[in-house]
Amino acid sequence: MSAKPQSASPGRVGFISLGCPKATVDSEHILTQLRAEGYLISPDYAGADLVVVNTCGFIDAAVEESLDTIGEALNENGKVIVTGCLGAKGDIVRHAYPNVLAVTGPHATKEVMDAVHEHLPPQHDPFVDLLPPQGIRLTPKHYAYLKISEGCNHRCTFCIIPSMRGDLVSRPVSDVLLEAERLAAAGVKELLVISQDTSAYGVDVKYKTEFYNGRPVKTRMTELCEALSALGIWVRLHYVYPYPHVDEVIPLMIAGKILPYLDIPFQHANPRILKAMKRPASSENTLSRIQQWRQDCPELAIRSTFIVGFPGETEDEFQELLDFLDAAQLDRVGAFTYSPVEGASANKLADPVDPELQQERLARFMAKQAKISAQCLQNKIGSVQQVLIDDIDDEGIVARSTADAPDIDGMVFVSDAEDMTADMPQVGDIIQVRITHSDEHDMWATRINENS
């Protein structure tokens, strides 16, 4: 038998991932496929045979960042494949940079790999190329995003996501649960469930029943959460529209099966503005449901996002939004001024708000929410909380509570009691702490000896 010939050097691909967690998951799929085919991932431009840039195109600032990044990659490397949401916005990329190797839209692993194959043929060696069962992740080892669907059936007037990512396509629930199982087996302690509209999961397949580990599971958010809870790790829900059946997951939170956390993008509170946005337009009903959720599950943390300065927004309508903040007492809030994204139907609405007035309203909005957030955190002083450790540095433990999602919410900074310094936990551990003080965003705590 002749000796196996020496394989050629594997191709090296540089990778830049921009945008939201849904784009991060797209990047992870591409990276996983690259490694499965024997490609190496280069940490810099100089060591890469070509570079893939996964872009964002949601708002103007994201478009500018994506175009700048593509330009930098071309200058530093010269061979660039562009994918992601900006690639779905017509010929913007080709007009700016006609010498890119290829341009694809989002959720396009096959198309990206086809372009890689064309410009950098693979040198796969099945004897030495290994891929972990959980695939390649861009997040730390102890948490991961779990994307359950692609696209969206809503036609919000400020949003162009459906034109870039298409209508709702739910992943088979068995596939989602198998991925979650592999992630848990690999040491992931927190799953962040994401999609464009998590509560619509399964609508497109009429909540089809599939089989996972020999038992039937409906393709529906409630049943998915119930099944994920069996993994014994944190499960956090993002991008949940407030449909009536969202009430069904509150009992799972009360029972400790999933985290008492809901990320619900309310966007505004005034009925006329919500109607112009093509969003659910009953803020009174929303407030009553929030009150009922909190009555049933006092530990519930609610995060939301809002748009300030939407076309036609009057001072009275903006004040109604501020009044909603007072009434809702949301734990975490993000906000941004309306941006006339190319292709959004809201751009045709009358009476655009002056940019300076938009910024003034945004400042007032965030100042009010800062006081609310500070009070919410102050109310936790003295309480015992479970926290997940993200980092350990010279100053102590950096962690997150069940009310804090990575990158967008606050942190818990933990110091050890003197008699526990020898028993230092590890990144990814879940420990108990007692909150000692707080500010508008973060909390400080001491670790509790759980054996005492």
Protein backbone atom coordinates (compact mmCIF):
# COMPACT_ATOMS: atom_id res chain seq x y z
CA MET A 1 0.00 0.00 0.00
CA SER A 2 1.44 3.28 -0.99
CA ALA A 3 1.77 6.04 1.58
CA LYS A 4 -1.02 8.63 1.74
CA PRO A 5 0.13 11.67 -0.23
CA GLN A 6 0.83 14.87 1.70
CA SER A 7 -2.16 17.17 1.37
CA ALA A 8 -1.73 20.76 0.29
CA SER A 9 -1.85 23.55 2.87
CA PRO A 10 -5.46 24.28 3.84
CA GLY A 11 -6.94 27.60 2.83
CA ARG A 12 -7.17 30.33 5.46
CA VAL A 13 -10.29 32.48 5.67
CA GLY A 14 -10.56 35.72 7.60
CA PHE A 15 -14.02 36.43 9.02
CA ILE A 16 -15.68 39.63 10.24
CA SER A 17 -19.17 39.46 11.76
CA LEU A 18 -21.27 42.61 12.19
CA GLY A 19 -24.86 43.18 13.30
CA CYS A 20 -27.36 41.53 15.62
CA PRO A 21 -27.34 38.10 17.32
CA LYS A 22 -29.29 36.65 14.38
CA ALA A 23 -26.40 37.65 12.11
CA THR A 24 -24.00 36.14 14.65
CA VAL A 25 -25.77 32.80 14.28
CA ASP A 26 -25.47 33.08 10.48
CA SER A 27 -21.74 33.67 10.96
CA GLU A 28 -21.46 30.64 13.22
CA HIS A 29 -23.11 28.45 10.57
CA ILE A 30 -20.68 29.66 7.90
CA LEU A 31 -17.67 29.23 10.19
CA THR A 32 -18.82 25.72 11.10
CA GLN A 33 -19.10 24.79 7.43
CA LEU A 34 -15.69 26.30 6.68
CA ARG A 35 -14.05 24.21 9.40
CA ALA A 36 -16.02 21.11 8.38
CA GLU A 37 -14.48 21.44 4.92
CA GLY A 38 -10.97 21.82 6.26
CA TYR A 39 -10.49 25.58 6.02
CA LEU A 40 -8.56 27.35 8.77
CA ILE A 41 -9.80 30.63 10.25
CA SER A 42 -7.27 33.46 10.18
CA PRO A 43 -7.26 36.00 13.05
CA ASP A 44 -5.88 38.77 10.83
CA TYR A 45 -5.91 40.10 7.28
CA ALA A 46 -2.30 39.26 6.54
CA GLY A 47 -2.70 35.54 7.20
CA ALA A 48 -5.93 35.14 5.21
CA ASP A 49 -6.24 33.95 1.63
CA LEU A 50 -9.57 35.79 1.47
CA VAL A 51 -11.95 37.54 3.89
CA VAL A 52 -15.69 37.08 4.47
CA VAL A 53 -17.59 40.09 5.85
CA ASN A 54 -21.05 39.44 7.29
CA THR A 55 -22.79 42.81 7.11
CA CYS A 56 -25.71 44.62 8.73
CA GLY A 57 -28.05 46.91 6.80
CA PHE A 58 -30.83 47.69 9.27
CA ILE A 59 -30.21 51.43 9.80
CA ASP A 60 -28.00 54.00 8.10
CA ALA A 61 -25.28 53.83 10.75
CA ALA A 62 -25.06 50.04 10.27
CA VAL A 63 -24.82 50.45 6.49
CA GLU A 64 -21.99 52.94 6.91
CA GLU A 65 -20.13 50.65 9.33
CA SER A 66 -20.54 47.70 6.95
CA LEU A 67 -19.28 49.64 3.93
CA ASP A 68 -16.30 50.96 5.91
CA THR A 69 -15.45 47.43 7.04
CA ILE A 70 -15.64 46.08 3.48
CA GLY A 71 -13.35 48.88 2.34
CA GLU A 72 -10.85 48.15 5.10
CA ALA A 73 -10.85 44.42 4.24
CA LEU A 74 -10.23 45.21 0.56
CA ASN A 75 -7.40 47.57 1.41
CA GLU A 76 -5.74 45.14 3.83
CA ASN A 77 -6.36 41.87 1.99
CA GLY A 78 -7.80 42.49 -1.47
CA LYS A 79 -10.04 39.40 -1.69
CA VAL A 80 -13.43 39.89 -0.03
CA ILE A 81 -16.75 38.02 -0.05
CA VAL A 82 -19.70 39.99 1.30
CA THR A 83 -22.75 38.40 2.92
CA GLY A 84 -25.56 39.49 5.27
CA CYS A 85 -28.36 42.02 5.26
CA LEU A 86 -26.51 44.73 3.33
CA GLY A 87 -26.07 42.26 0.50
CA ALA A 88 -29.85 42.05 0.19
CA LYS A 89 -30.23 45.80 -0.34
CA GLY A 90 -29.83 45.92 -4.09
CA ASP A 91 -26.47 46.84 -5.59
CA ILE A 92 -25.18 49.07 -2.77
CA VAL A 93 -22.09 46.93 -2.19
CA ARG A 94 -21.31 46.49 -5.91
CA HIS A 95 -21.67 50.21 -6.55
CA ALA A 96 -19.31 51.07 -3.68
CA TYR A 97 -16.85 48.23 -4.25
CA PRO A 98 -17.16 46.62 -7.70
CA ASN A 99 -14.07 44.45 -7.07
CA VAL A 100 -15.51 42.31 -4.26
CA LEU A 101 -15.45 38.62 -5.15
CA ALA A 102 -19.12 37.93 -4.41
CA VAL A 103 -22.17 39.41 -2.67
CA THR A 104 -24.94 37.37 -1.01
CA GLY A 105 -27.86 38.15 1.27
CA PRO A 106 -28.40 36.93 4.86
CA HIS A 107 -28.85 33.31 5.93
CA ALA A 108 -26.83 32.21 2.88
CA THR A 109 -24.32 29.62 4.03
CA LYS A 110 -24.48 27.67 0.75
CA GLU A 111 -23.99 30.76 -1.41
CA VAL A 112 -21.03 31.92 0.69
CA MET A 113 -19.44 28.47 0.52
CA ASP A 114 -19.95 28.37 -3.25
CA ALA A 115 -18.04 31.66 -3.52
CA VAL A 116 -15.29 30.38 -1.22
CA HIS A 117 -14.98 27.19 -3.30
CA GLU A 118 -14.66 29.25 -6.48
CA HIS A 119 -11.90 31.51 -5.21
CA LEU A 120 -10.22 29.21 -2.66
CA PRO A 121 -10.82 25.52 -3.45
CA PRO A 122 -10.87 23.34 -0.31
CA GLN A 123 -8.08 20.95 0.66
CA HIS A 124 -10.11 18.81 3.05
CA ASP A 125 -8.31 16.00 4.84
CA PRO A 126 -10.75 13.66 6.67
CA PHE A 127 -7.86 12.10 8.61
CA VAL A 128 -6.97 15.28 10.47
CA ASP A 129 -9.86 17.74 10.07
CA LEU A 130 -11.98 17.67 13.23
CA LEU A 131 -15.13 19.62 14.07
CA PRO A 132 -16.69 19.81 17.54
CA PRO A 133 -20.28 18.48 17.64
CA GLN A 134 -21.66 21.87 18.71
CA GLY A 135 -20.08 23.57 15.68
CA ILE A 136 -18.05 26.79 15.69
CA ARG A 137 -19.37 29.51 18.01
CA LEU A 138 -18.52 33.21 18.21
CA THR A 139 -19.83 33.52 21.78
CA PRO A 140 -17.94 32.44 24.93
CA LYS A 141 -18.16 28.74 25.76
CA HIS A 142 -20.75 29.17 28.51
CA TYR A 143 -23.56 30.80 26.50
CA ALA A 144 -24.89 30.53 22.95
CA TYR A 145 -27.59 31.97 20.70
CA LEU A 146 -30.21 29.49 19.52
CA LYS A 147 -31.96 30.76 16.38
CA ILE A 148 -35.35 29.08 15.97
CA SER A 149 -36.60 30.74 12.78
CA GLU A 150 -35.68 33.01 9.92
CA GLY A 151 -37.61 35.96 8.46
CA CYS A 152 -40.75 37.75 9.65
CA ASN A 153 -44.41 38.03 8.63
CA HIS A 154 -44.84 41.55 10.04
CA ARG A 155 -44.64 44.60 7.82
CA CYS A 156 -43.63 47.28 10.32
CA THR A 157 -43.29 50.52 8.40
CA PHE A 158 -39.88 51.38 9.91
CA CYS A 159 -38.33 47.98 9.18
CA ILE A 160 -36.88 46.39 6.04
CA ILE A 161 -35.98 43.02 7.58
CA PRO A 162 -38.69 41.07 5.64
CA SER A 163 -37.34 42.42 2.35
CA MET A 164 -33.88 41.18 3.30
CA ARG A 165 -34.63 37.96 5.20
CA GLY A 166 -38.04 37.05 3.79
CA ASP A 167 -41.18 35.77 5.50
CA LEU A 168 -41.19 33.57 8.59
CA VAL A 169 -39.59 30.15 8.16
CA SER A 170 -39.52 28.13 11.39
CA ARG A 171 -36.79 25.57 11.94
CA PRO A 172 -38.00 22.03 12.65
CA VAL A 173 -38.41 21.77 16.42
CA SER A 174 -36.47 18.50 16.45
CA ASP A 175 -33.48 20.23 14.81
CA VAL A 176 -33.63 23.08 17.31
CA LEU A 177 -33.74 20.71 20.28
CA LEU A 178 -30.90 18.55 18.94
CA GLU A 179 -28.74 21.66 18.52
CA ALA A 180 -29.62 22.77 22.05
CA GLU A 181 -28.76 19.31 23.39
CA ARG A 182 -25.34 19.40 21.69
CA LEU A 183 -24.65 22.88 23.08
CA ALA A 184 -25.57 21.81 26.61
CA ALA A 185 -23.35 18.74 26.29
CA ALA A 186 -20.48 21.03 25.22
CA GLY A 187 -20.77 23.06 28.44
CA VAL A 188 -23.12 25.87 27.47
CA LYS A 189 -24.94 27.12 30.59
CA GLU A 190 -27.26 29.65 28.94
CA LEU A 191 -29.27 29.52 25.72
CA LEU A 192 -30.50 32.81 24.28
CA VAL A 193 -33.49 31.99 22.07
CA ILE A 194 -33.63 34.41 19.13
CA SER A 195 -35.48 35.04 15.87
CA GLN A 196 -37.18 38.01 14.26
CA ASP A 197 -40.41 37.08 16.09
CA THR A 198 -39.93 34.35 18.68
CA SER A 199 -43.59 34.15 19.72
CA ALA A 200 -44.61 33.44 16.09
CA TYR A 201 -42.52 30.27 16.04
CA GLY A 202 -44.39 27.55 14.18
CA VAL A 203 -47.13 29.74 12.67
CA ASP A 204 -45.88 29.02 9.15
CA VAL A 205 -46.08 25.23 9.67
CA LYS A 206 -49.37 25.40 11.63
CA TYR A 207 -47.59 24.32 14.84
CA LYS A 208 -46.66 20.99 13.29
CA THR A 209 -45.92 18.16 15.73
CA GLU A 210 -42.53 16.47 15.35
CA PHE A 211 -40.67 13.88 17.39
CA TYR A 212 -37.65 14.50 19.59
CA ASN A 213 -36.08 11.64 21.56
CA GLY A 214 -39.11 9.53 20.83
CA ARG A 215 -41.74 11.93 22.12
CA PRO A 216 -44.04 14.38 20.28
CA VAL A 217 -43.27 18.12 20.49
CA LYS A 218 -45.28 20.89 18.83
CA THR A 219 -43.46 23.52 16.77
CA ARG A 220 -44.62 26.27 19.14
CA MET A 221 -42.89 28.59 21.60
CA THR A 222 -44.52 27.17 24.75
CA GLU A 223 -43.74 23.55 23.92
CA LEU A 224 -40.23 24.47 22.78
CA CYS A 225 -39.54 26.21 26.09
CA GLU A 226 -40.91 23.24 28.03
CA ALA A 227 -38.58 20.89 26.12
CA LEU A 228 -35.55 23.18 26.48
CA SER A 229 -36.10 23.37 30.24
CA ALA A 230 -35.28 19.65 30.50
CA LEU A 231 -31.64 20.47 29.65
CA GLY A 232 -31.17 22.02 33.10
CA ILE A 233 -29.56 25.25 31.86
CA TRP A 234 -30.68 28.86 31.63
CA VAL A 235 -33.13 29.58 28.79
CA ARG A 236 -33.70 33.26 27.94
CA LEU A 237 -36.32 34.53 25.47
CA HIS A 238 -35.60 37.43 23.10
CA TYR A 239 -37.70 39.35 20.53
CA VAL A 240 -41.06 38.19 21.86
CA TYR A 241 -44.12 39.93 20.39
CA PRO A 242 -46.86 40.24 23.04
CA TYR A 243 -49.32 37.78 21.49
CA PRO A 244 -51.92 36.30 23.88
CA HIS A 245 -50.14 32.95 24.07
CA VAL A 246 -47.08 34.64 25.59
CA ASP A 247 -49.04 34.36 28.85
CA GLU A 248 -48.45 30.60 28.65
CA VAL A 249 -44.70 30.88 29.30
CA ILE A 250 -45.17 32.77 32.59
CA PRO A 251 -46.01 29.54 34.50
CA LEU A 252 -42.77 28.03 33.15
CA MET A 253 -40.92 31.00 34.66
CA ILE A 254 -42.75 30.63 37.97
CA ALA A 255 -41.75 26.94 38.04
CA GLY A 256 -38.10 27.86 37.39
CA LYS A 257 -38.04 26.05 34.04
CA ILE A 258 -36.96 29.09 32.01
CA LEU A 259 -35.56 32.44 33.12
CA PRO A 260 -38.06 35.06 34.31
CA TYR A 261 -37.08 37.39 31.47
CA LEU A 262 -38.94 38.72 28.44
CA ASP A 263 -37.45 40.88 25.71
CA ILE A 264 -40.49 42.53 24.08
CA PRO A 265 -39.97 45.32 21.50
CA PHE A 266 -42.93 47.60 22.31
CA GLN A 267 -41.50 50.46 20.14
CA HIS A 268 -44.02 53.10 21.32
CA ALA A 269 -47.11 53.65 23.48
CA ASN A 270 -49.32 56.07 21.56
CA PRO A 271 -52.05 54.25 19.56
CA ARG A 272 -51.78 56.53 16.51
CA ILE A 273 -48.02 56.14 16.30
CA LEU A 274 -48.27 52.38 16.81
CA LYS A 275 -50.83 52.21 14.01
CA ALA A 276 -48.52 54.21 11.74
CA MET A 277 -45.77 51.74 12.63
CA LYS A 278 -48.17 48.83 11.94
CA ARG A 279 -47.61 47.56 15.47
CA PRO A 280 -50.16 46.27 18.02
CA ALA A 281 -51.87 49.46 19.20
CA SER A 282 -53.28 48.85 22.67
CA SER A 283 -50.92 50.24 25.29
CA GLU A 284 -53.62 50.00 27.98
CA ASN A 285 -53.98 46.26 27.37
CA THR A 286 -50.19 45.97 27.36
CA LEU A 287 -49.98 47.64 30.77
CA SER A 288 -52.65 45.38 32.24
CA ARG A 289 -50.83 42.30 30.96
CA ILE A 290 -47.52 43.52 32.38
CA GLN A 291 -49.20 44.03 35.74
CA GLN A 292 -50.70 40.54 35.63
CA TRP A 293 -47.37 38.96 34.64
CA ARG A 294 -45.63 40.65 37.55
CA GLN A 295 -48.39 39.74 39.95
CA ASP A 296 -47.99 36.09 38.94
CA CYS A 297 -44.18 36.18 38.66
CA PRO A 298 -42.66 38.99 40.79
CA GLU A 299 -39.13 38.08 39.65
CA LEU A 300 -39.97 38.80 36.00
CA ALA A 301 -37.58 41.22 34.26
CA ILE A 302 -38.85 42.95 31.13
CA ARG A 303 -36.58 44.50 28.52
CA SER A 304 -37.87 46.53 25.59
CA THR A 305 -36.84 48.86 22.78
CA PHE A 306 -38.51 52.07 21.61
CA ILE A 307 -38.31 54.47 18.68
CA VAL A 308 -38.28 58.20 19.47
CA GLY A 309 -39.10 60.86 16.88
CA PHE A 310 -41.13 58.69 14.52
CA PRO A 311 -42.58 60.74 11.61
CA GLY A 312 -45.49 62.84 12.84
CA GLU A 313 -44.79 62.27 16.55
CA THR A 314 -46.17 65.25 18.47
CA GLU A 315 -45.05 66.48 21.87
CA ASP A 316 -48.25 65.10 23.43
CA GLU A 317 -47.63 61.69 21.84
CA PHE A 318 -44.06 61.68 23.07
CA GLN A 319 -45.31 62.59 26.54
CA GLU A 320 -47.63 59.59 26.35
CA LEU A 321 -44.55 57.43 25.77
CA LEU A 322 -42.89 58.92 28.86
CA ASP A 323 -46.08 58.27 30.86
CA PHE A 324 -45.99 54.66 29.67
CA LEU A 325 -42.46 54.31 31.05
CA ASP A 326 -43.66 55.58 34.42
CA ALA A 327 -46.56 53.12 34.46
CA ALA A 328 -44.74 50.07 33.08
CA GLN A 329 -41.56 50.40 35.18
CA LEU A 330 -39.59 48.30 32.69
CA ASP A 331 -36.34 46.85 34.02
CA ARG A 332 -34.20 47.40 30.92
CA VAL A 333 -34.84 49.70 27.97
CA GLY A 334 -33.03 50.60 24.79
CA ALA A 335 -34.07 53.42 22.45
CA PHE A 336 -33.01 55.03 19.22
CA THR A 337 -34.24 57.88 17.07
CA TYR A 338 -36.17 57.08 13.91
CA SER A 339 -33.82 56.66 10.96
CA PRO A 340 -35.17 56.88 7.39
CA VAL A 341 -33.75 53.56 6.22
CA GLU A 342 -33.83 53.18 2.45
CA GLY A 343 -36.81 51.04 1.49
CA ALA A 344 -38.85 51.61 4.68
CA SER A 345 -42.43 52.68 3.95
CA ALA A 346 -42.40 55.04 6.96
CA ASN A 347 -40.14 57.35 4.96
CA LYS A 348 -43.24 58.42 2.99
CA LEU A 349 -45.11 59.57 6.12
CA ALA A 350 -45.73 63.28 6.59
CA ASP A 351 -44.18 65.58 9.17
CA PRO A 352 -40.73 64.10 9.84
CA VAL A 353 -39.37 65.15 13.23
CA ASP A 354 -36.40 67.50 13.17
CA PRO A 355 -33.16 65.61 14.04
CA GLU A 356 -32.30 68.05 16.84
CA LEU A 357 -35.74 67.53 18.37
CA GLN A 358 -35.31 63.77 18.00
CA GLN A 359 -32.08 63.93 19.98
CA GLU A 360 -33.64 66.16 22.64
CA ARG A 361 -36.53 63.71 23.08
CA LEU A 362 -34.15 60.75 23.17
CA ALA A 363 -32.17 62.43 25.97
CA ARG A 364 -35.36 63.05 27.96
CA PHE A 365 -36.51 59.49 27.37
CA MET A 366 -33.22 57.95 28.52
CA ALA A 367 -32.99 60.25 31.55
CA LYS A 368 -36.42 59.09 32.71
CA GLN A 369 -35.60 55.44 32.12
CA ALA A 370 -32.28 55.81 33.94
CA LYS A 371 -34.17 56.79 37.11
CA ILE A 372 -36.57 53.87 36.68
CA SER A 373 -33.73 51.41 36.11
CA ALA A 374 -31.84 52.75 39.10
CA GLN A 375 -34.90 52.23 41.31
CA CYS A 376 -35.50 48.71 39.96
CA LEU A 377 -31.94 47.74 40.83
CA GLN A 378 -32.02 49.49 44.19
CA ASN A 379 -35.05 47.39 45.09
CA LYS A 380 -32.82 44.30 44.80
CA ILE A 381 -30.31 45.44 47.42
CA GLY A 382 -30.18 42.85 50.18
CA SER A 383 -31.69 40.12 48.01
CA VAL A 384 -30.05 36.81 47.10
CA GLN A 385 -29.58 36.30 43.37
CA GLN A 386 -28.26 33.56 41.11
CA VAL A 387 -25.60 34.86 38.74
CA LEU A 388 -23.70 33.35 35.81
CA ILE A 389 -19.98 34.15 35.77
CA ASP A 390 -18.78 35.78 32.53
CA ASP A 391 -15.26 36.71 33.59
CA ILE A 392 -12.82 36.69 36.51
CA ASP A 393 -10.20 39.42 36.71
CA ASP A 394 -7.88 40.98 39.29
CA GLU A 395 -10.78 42.87 40.85
CA GLY A 396 -13.07 39.89 41.25
CA ILE A 397 -15.95 38.17 39.50
CA VAL A 398 -17.92 39.72 36.63
CA ALA A 399 -21.31 38.05 36.29
CA ARG A 400 -24.89 38.46 35.15
CA SER A 401 -28.14 37.86 36.99
CA THR A 402 -31.19 36.15 35.51
CA ALA A 403 -32.40 39.67 34.61
CA ASP A 404 -29.33 40.47 32.49
CA ALA A 405 -28.69 39.30 28.93
CA PRO A 406 -25.10 39.52 27.62
CA ASP A 407 -23.94 42.70 25.87
CA ILE A 408 -27.24 44.59 26.23
CA ASP A 409 -28.06 44.56 29.95
CA GLY A 410 -26.12 45.16 33.15
CA MET A 411 -23.45 43.29 35.09
CA VAL A 412 -23.05 42.04 38.66
CA PHE A 413 -19.60 42.64 40.15
CA VAL A 414 -18.93 40.11 42.89
CA SER A 415 -16.36 40.19 45.68
CA ASP A 416 -15.61 37.13 47.81
CA ALA A 417 -16.01 36.98 51.53
CA GLU A 418 -12.59 36.60 53.20
CA ASP A 419 -13.11 32.95 54.11
CA MET A 420 -13.94 31.89 50.56
CA THR A 421 -11.02 33.22 48.55
CA ALA A 422 -9.53 29.74 48.26
CA ASP A 423 -12.74 28.41 46.74
CA MET A 424 -12.70 30.46 43.55
CA PRO A 425 -15.36 29.44 41.01
CA GLN A 426 -14.79 29.32 37.25
CA VAL A 427 -16.15 31.21 34.25
CA GLY A 428 -19.48 29.62 33.36
CA ASP A 429 -20.34 28.66 36.94
CA ILE A 430 -23.66 29.71 38.46
CA ILE A 431 -23.30 30.96 42.02
CA GLN A 432 -25.42 32.65 44.66
CA VAL A 433 -24.69 36.23 45.73
CA ARG A 434 -26.19 38.89 47.96
CA ILE A 435 -26.67 42.32 46.36
CA THR A 436 -24.98 45.10 48.34
CA HIS A 437 -25.42 48.20 46.17
CA SER A 438 -26.28 49.34 42.64
CA ASP A 439 -26.39 52.22 40.17
CA GLU A 440 -28.45 52.88 37.02
CA HIS A 441 -27.14 49.85 35.16
CA ASP A 442 -25.11 47.46 37.33
CA MET A 443 -25.12 45.78 40.73
CA TRP A 444 -22.42 44.84 43.22
CA ALA A 445 -22.57 41.79 45.44
CA THR A 446 -20.77 39.41 47.78
CA ARG A 447 -20.66 35.67 47.22
CA ILE A 448 -22.66 33.42 49.51
CA ASN A 449 -21.18 30.23 50.86
CA GLU A 450 -23.81 27.76 49.69
CA ASN A 451 -22.51 25.10 52.07
CA SER A 452 -23.11 27.18 55.17
